[in-house]
Amino acid sequence: MKIFSILVFMLFSASAFSGANTSFTQTGVISEESGHSNTIIINDTAYRIDSNTNVHALVRHGELGPQLPAGELIGFNTTNEENSELPYVTDIWLLNAN
């Protein structure tokens, strides 16, 4: 019964991840950490982010949210807003997260 429970959990986990939306239109490397700023630098280009930017990543125990360190390879989507000079990042996927 224990093996059956483990197999069911593994199948459920695999189906949950395979159904996740993972389509991004751009890739890049974070050049500078955003810190508490609303700007992130990706491939030496500035983009705007905020608390509504979706970061698709696992969060380690004790962390409040995913970390976006310099040097991290990411996939991301952007949109241009009329009231901003910088493109807005709507979604980020960590591609080489450890």
N, C-alpha and C. Protein backbone atom coordinates (compact mmCIF):
# COMPACT_ATOMS: atom_id res chain seq x y z
N MET A 1 0.82 -1.19 0.00
CA MET A 1 0.00 0.00 0.00
C MET A 1 0.87 1.26 0.00
N LYS A 2 1.99 1.22 0.70
CA LYS A 2 2.87 2.38 0.77
C LYS A 2 3.44 2.70 -0.61
N ILE A 3 3.84 1.69 -1.36
CA ILE A 3 4.38 1.89 -2.70
C ILE A 3 3.30 2.47 -3.61
N PHE A 4 2.08 1.96 -3.48
CA PHE A 4 0.98 2.49 -4.28
C PHE A 4 0.76 3.97 -3.99
N SER A 5 0.79 4.35 -2.72
CA SER A 5 0.61 5.75 -2.34
C SER A 5 1.71 6.63 -2.93
N ILE A 6 2.93 6.14 -2.91
CA ILE A 6 4.06 6.89 -3.47
C ILE A 6 3.88 7.06 -4.98
N LEU A 7 3.47 5.99 -5.66
CA LEU A 7 3.27 6.06 -7.11
C LEU A 7 2.15 7.04 -7.46
N VAL A 8 1.07 7.02 -6.70
CA VAL A 8 -0.04 7.94 -6.97
C VAL A 8 0.44 9.37 -6.77
N PHE A 9 1.19 9.63 -5.71
CA PHE A 9 1.72 10.97 -5.46
C PHE A 9 2.64 11.41 -6.59
N MET A 10 3.50 10.51 -7.07
CA MET A 10 4.42 10.86 -8.15
C MET A 10 3.65 11.18 -9.43
N LEU A 11 2.64 10.39 -9.75
CA LEU A 11 1.85 10.65 -10.94
C LEU A 11 1.09 11.97 -10.82
N PHE A 12 0.53 12.24 -9.66
CA PHE A 12 -0.18 13.51 -9.46
C PHE A 12 0.78 14.68 -9.59
N SER A 13 1.97 14.57 -9.02
CA SER A 13 2.95 15.65 -9.10
C SER A 13 3.36 15.90 -10.54
N ALA A 14 3.60 14.83 -11.29
CA ALA A 14 4.01 14.97 -12.69
C ALA A 14 2.90 15.61 -13.52
N SER A 15 1.66 15.23 -13.27
CA SER A 15 0.56 15.82 -14.05
C SER A 15 0.34 17.27 -13.66
N ALA A 16 0.56 17.63 -12.41
CA ALA A 16 0.40 19.02 -11.98
C ALA A 16 1.44 19.91 -12.66
N PHE A 17 2.68 19.44 -12.75
CA PHE A 17 3.73 20.23 -13.38
C PHE A 17 3.58 20.26 -14.89
N SER A 18 3.14 19.16 -15.50
CA SER A 18 3.02 19.14 -16.96
C SER A 18 1.87 20.02 -17.43
N GLY A 19 0.88 20.26 -16.57
CA GLY A 19 -0.23 21.11 -16.94
C GLY A 19 0.04 22.58 -16.72
N ALA A 20 1.15 22.90 -16.08
CA ALA A 20 1.47 24.30 -15.80
C ALA A 20 1.80 25.03 -17.10
N ASN A 21 1.41 26.29 -17.15
CA ASN A 21 1.70 27.10 -18.32
C ASN A 21 3.17 27.51 -18.27
N THR A 22 3.95 27.02 -19.19
CA THR A 22 5.39 27.32 -19.20
C THR A 22 5.80 27.99 -20.50
N SER A 23 4.90 28.75 -21.10
CA SER A 23 5.28 29.36 -22.36
C SER A 23 5.78 30.77 -22.11
N PHE A 24 7.02 30.99 -22.47
CA PHE A 24 7.62 32.32 -22.38
C PHE A 24 8.13 32.70 -23.75
N THR A 25 8.21 33.99 -24.00
CA THR A 25 8.57 34.47 -25.32
C THR A 25 10.02 34.93 -25.41
N GLN A 26 10.65 35.15 -24.25
CA GLN A 26 12.02 35.65 -24.24
C GLN A 26 12.84 34.90 -23.19
N THR A 27 14.13 34.85 -23.40
CA THR A 27 15.03 34.30 -22.39
C THR A 27 16.17 35.30 -22.17
N GLY A 28 16.78 35.19 -21.02
CA GLY A 28 17.90 36.08 -20.72
C GLY A 28 18.53 35.72 -19.40
N VAL A 29 19.57 36.47 -19.07
CA VAL A 29 20.28 36.28 -17.81
C VAL A 29 20.12 37.57 -17.00
N ILE A 30 19.78 37.43 -15.74
CA ILE A 30 19.64 38.60 -14.88
C ILE A 30 21.01 39.22 -14.70
N SER A 31 21.16 40.48 -15.12
CA SER A 31 22.43 41.18 -15.01
C SER A 31 22.63 41.78 -13.62
N GLU A 32 21.56 42.28 -13.03
CA GLU A 32 21.61 42.87 -11.70
C GLU A 32 20.37 42.45 -10.93
N GLU A 33 20.55 42.16 -9.64
CA GLU A 33 19.42 41.81 -8.80
C GLU A 33 18.51 43.01 -8.64
N SER A 34 17.23 42.73 -8.51
CA SER A 34 16.28 43.83 -8.37
C SER A 34 16.26 44.39 -6.95
N GLY A 35 16.62 43.58 -5.96
CA GLY A 35 16.56 44.05 -4.58
C GLY A 35 15.13 44.44 -4.26
N HIS A 36 14.94 45.61 -3.71
CA HIS A 36 13.59 46.10 -3.40
C HIS A 36 13.13 47.11 -4.43
N SER A 37 13.85 47.19 -5.53
CA SER A 37 13.53 48.13 -6.60
C SER A 37 12.44 47.55 -7.49
N ASN A 38 11.80 48.40 -8.26
CA ASN A 38 10.81 47.95 -9.24
C ASN A 38 11.42 47.76 -10.61
N THR A 39 12.76 47.71 -10.67
CA THR A 39 13.47 47.53 -11.93
C THR A 39 14.38 46.31 -11.82
N ILE A 40 14.39 45.52 -12.89
CA ILE A 40 15.31 44.38 -12.97
C ILE A 40 16.08 44.54 -14.28
N ILE A 41 17.34 44.16 -14.27
CA ILE A 41 18.17 44.27 -15.47
C ILE A 41 18.38 42.86 -16.02
N ILE A 42 17.93 42.64 -17.25
CA ILE A 42 18.07 41.35 -17.92
C ILE A 42 18.82 41.59 -19.21
N ASN A 43 19.93 40.88 -19.40
CA ASN A 43 20.78 41.09 -20.59
C ASN A 43 21.12 42.56 -20.79
N ASP A 44 21.44 43.24 -19.70
CA ASP A 44 21.82 44.66 -19.70
C ASP A 44 20.71 45.59 -20.19
N THR A 45 19.46 45.15 -20.13
CA THR A 45 18.30 45.97 -20.48
C THR A 45 17.39 46.07 -19.27
N ALA A 46 16.91 47.27 -18.97
CA ALA A 46 16.05 47.49 -17.81
C ALA A 46 14.60 47.12 -18.13
N TYR A 47 13.96 46.46 -17.18
CA TYR A 47 12.55 46.11 -17.25
C TYR A 47 11.90 46.46 -15.92
N ARG A 48 10.60 46.70 -15.96
CA ARG A 48 9.86 47.00 -14.75
C ARG A 48 9.20 45.73 -14.22
N ILE A 49 9.27 45.53 -12.90
CA ILE A 49 8.58 44.44 -12.22
C ILE A 49 7.88 45.02 -10.99
N ASP A 50 6.92 44.27 -10.47
CA ASP A 50 6.28 44.66 -9.22
C ASP A 50 5.73 43.41 -8.55
N SER A 51 4.92 43.62 -7.52
CA SER A 51 4.40 42.47 -6.77
C SER A 51 3.40 41.66 -7.58
N ASN A 52 2.95 42.16 -8.71
CA ASN A 52 2.03 41.40 -9.57
C ASN A 52 2.76 40.56 -10.62
N THR A 53 4.07 40.71 -10.73
CA THR A 53 4.86 39.87 -11.64
C THR A 53 4.85 38.44 -11.10
N ASN A 54 4.42 37.50 -11.91
CA ASN A 54 4.36 36.09 -11.50
C ASN A 54 5.73 35.46 -11.68
N VAL A 55 6.29 34.91 -10.60
CA VAL A 55 7.56 34.20 -10.66
C VAL A 55 7.26 32.73 -10.47
N HIS A 56 7.52 31.94 -11.51
CA HIS A 56 7.22 30.51 -11.51
C HIS A 56 8.46 29.75 -11.05
N ALA A 57 8.49 29.41 -9.77
CA ALA A 57 9.64 28.71 -9.21
C ALA A 57 9.25 28.09 -7.89
N LEU A 58 10.02 27.11 -7.48
CA LEU A 58 9.83 26.53 -6.16
C LEU A 58 10.46 27.46 -5.13
N VAL A 59 9.85 27.53 -3.97
CA VAL A 59 10.36 28.37 -2.89
C VAL A 59 10.91 27.46 -1.80
N ARG A 60 12.13 27.75 -1.38
CA ARG A 60 12.74 26.96 -0.32
C ARG A 60 12.07 27.26 1.02
N HIS A 61 12.10 26.29 1.91
CA HIS A 61 11.51 26.45 3.24
C HIS A 61 12.12 27.66 3.94
N GLY A 62 11.29 28.53 4.45
CA GLY A 62 11.76 29.71 5.17
C GLY A 62 11.88 30.96 4.30
N GLU A 63 11.82 30.82 2.98
CA GLU A 63 11.89 31.98 2.10
C GLU A 63 10.49 32.55 1.90
N LEU A 64 10.41 33.85 1.78
CA LEU A 64 9.13 34.50 1.54
C LEU A 64 8.70 34.43 0.08
N GLY A 65 9.66 34.25 -0.80
CA GLY A 65 9.38 34.16 -2.23
C GLY A 65 10.62 33.72 -2.96
N PRO A 66 10.50 33.44 -4.25
CA PRO A 66 11.66 33.01 -5.03
C PRO A 66 12.70 34.12 -5.12
N GLN A 67 13.95 33.74 -5.13
CA GLN A 67 15.06 34.68 -5.27
C GLN A 67 15.38 34.86 -6.75
N LEU A 68 15.76 36.08 -7.13
CA LEU A 68 16.14 36.38 -8.51
C LEU A 68 17.57 36.92 -8.51
N PRO A 69 18.56 36.04 -8.33
CA PRO A 69 19.95 36.50 -8.23
C PRO A 69 20.56 36.82 -9.59
N ALA A 70 21.55 37.70 -9.57
CA ALA A 70 22.30 38.01 -10.79
C ALA A 70 22.93 36.73 -11.32
N GLY A 71 22.94 36.57 -12.63
CA GLY A 71 23.51 35.38 -13.26
C GLY A 71 22.49 34.28 -13.51
N GLU A 72 21.27 34.44 -13.03
CA GLU A 72 20.22 33.43 -13.18
C GLU A 72 19.65 33.46 -14.59
N LEU A 73 19.58 32.30 -15.24
CA LEU A 73 18.95 32.17 -16.55
C LEU A 73 17.45 32.10 -16.36
N ILE A 74 16.71 32.95 -17.08
CA ILE A 74 15.26 32.99 -16.93
C ILE A 74 14.58 33.02 -18.28
N GLY A 75 13.33 32.60 -18.28
CA GLY A 75 12.41 32.83 -19.38
C GLY A 75 11.42 33.87 -18.88
N PHE A 76 10.94 34.74 -19.77
CA PHE A 76 10.03 35.78 -19.29
C PHE A 76 9.15 36.30 -20.41
N ASN A 77 8.05 36.92 -19.99
CA ASN A 77 7.12 37.58 -20.90
C ASN A 77 7.02 39.05 -20.51
N THR A 78 6.85 39.91 -21.50
CA THR A 78 6.72 41.34 -21.23
C THR A 78 5.52 41.92 -21.94
N THR A 79 5.14 43.09 -21.50
CA THR A 79 4.11 43.88 -22.16
C THR A 79 4.54 45.34 -22.08
N ASN A 80 4.11 46.12 -23.03
CA ASN A 80 4.40 47.55 -23.01
C ASN A 80 3.16 48.28 -22.52
N GLU A 81 3.35 49.15 -21.54
CA GLU A 81 2.25 49.94 -21.01
C GLU A 81 2.44 51.39 -21.40
N GLU A 82 1.37 52.07 -21.71
CA GLU A 82 1.42 53.44 -22.19
C GLU A 82 2.07 54.41 -21.20
N ASN A 83 1.87 54.19 -19.92
CA ASN A 83 2.34 55.14 -18.91
C ASN A 83 3.74 54.82 -18.38
N SER A 84 4.48 53.94 -19.03
CA SER A 84 5.80 53.57 -18.56
C SER A 84 6.80 53.55 -19.71
N GLU A 85 8.00 54.01 -19.42
CA GLU A 85 9.06 53.98 -20.43
C GLU A 85 9.66 52.59 -20.57
N LEU A 86 9.58 51.79 -19.50
CA LEU A 86 10.19 50.45 -19.50
C LEU A 86 9.15 49.38 -19.78
N PRO A 87 9.52 48.32 -20.49
CA PRO A 87 8.62 47.18 -20.65
C PRO A 87 8.36 46.54 -19.29
N TYR A 88 7.14 46.06 -19.08
CA TYR A 88 6.74 45.42 -17.82
C TYR A 88 6.85 43.90 -17.96
N VAL A 89 7.53 43.26 -17.02
CA VAL A 89 7.66 41.80 -17.01
C VAL A 89 6.43 41.22 -16.30
N THR A 90 5.63 40.45 -17.04
CA THR A 90 4.42 39.86 -16.47
C THR A 90 4.69 38.52 -15.80
N ASP A 91 5.61 37.72 -16.36
CA ASP A 91 5.92 36.38 -15.84
C ASP A 91 7.41 36.11 -15.96
N ILE A 92 7.94 35.38 -14.97
CA ILE A 92 9.35 34.95 -14.99
C ILE A 92 9.39 33.47 -14.63
N TRP A 93 10.18 32.70 -15.38
CA TRP A 93 10.44 31.31 -15.07
C TRP A 93 11.94 31.15 -14.82
N LEU A 94 12.32 30.57 -13.68
CA LEU A 94 13.72 30.29 -13.41
C LEU A 94 14.08 29.02 -14.16
N LEU A 95 15.05 29.11 -15.07
CA LEU A 95 15.37 27.99 -15.94
C LEU A 95 16.51 27.11 -15.44
N ASN A 96 17.40 27.65 -14.62
CA ASN A 96 18.47 26.80 -14.10
C ASN A 96 18.50 26.83 -12.59
N ALA A 97 17.31 26.88 -11.98
CA ALA A 97 17.20 26.91 -10.52
C ALA A 97 17.75 25.62 -9.93
N ASN A 98 18.51 25.76 -8.87
CA ASN A 98 19.08 24.58 -8.18
C ASN A 98 18.20 24.17 -7.04
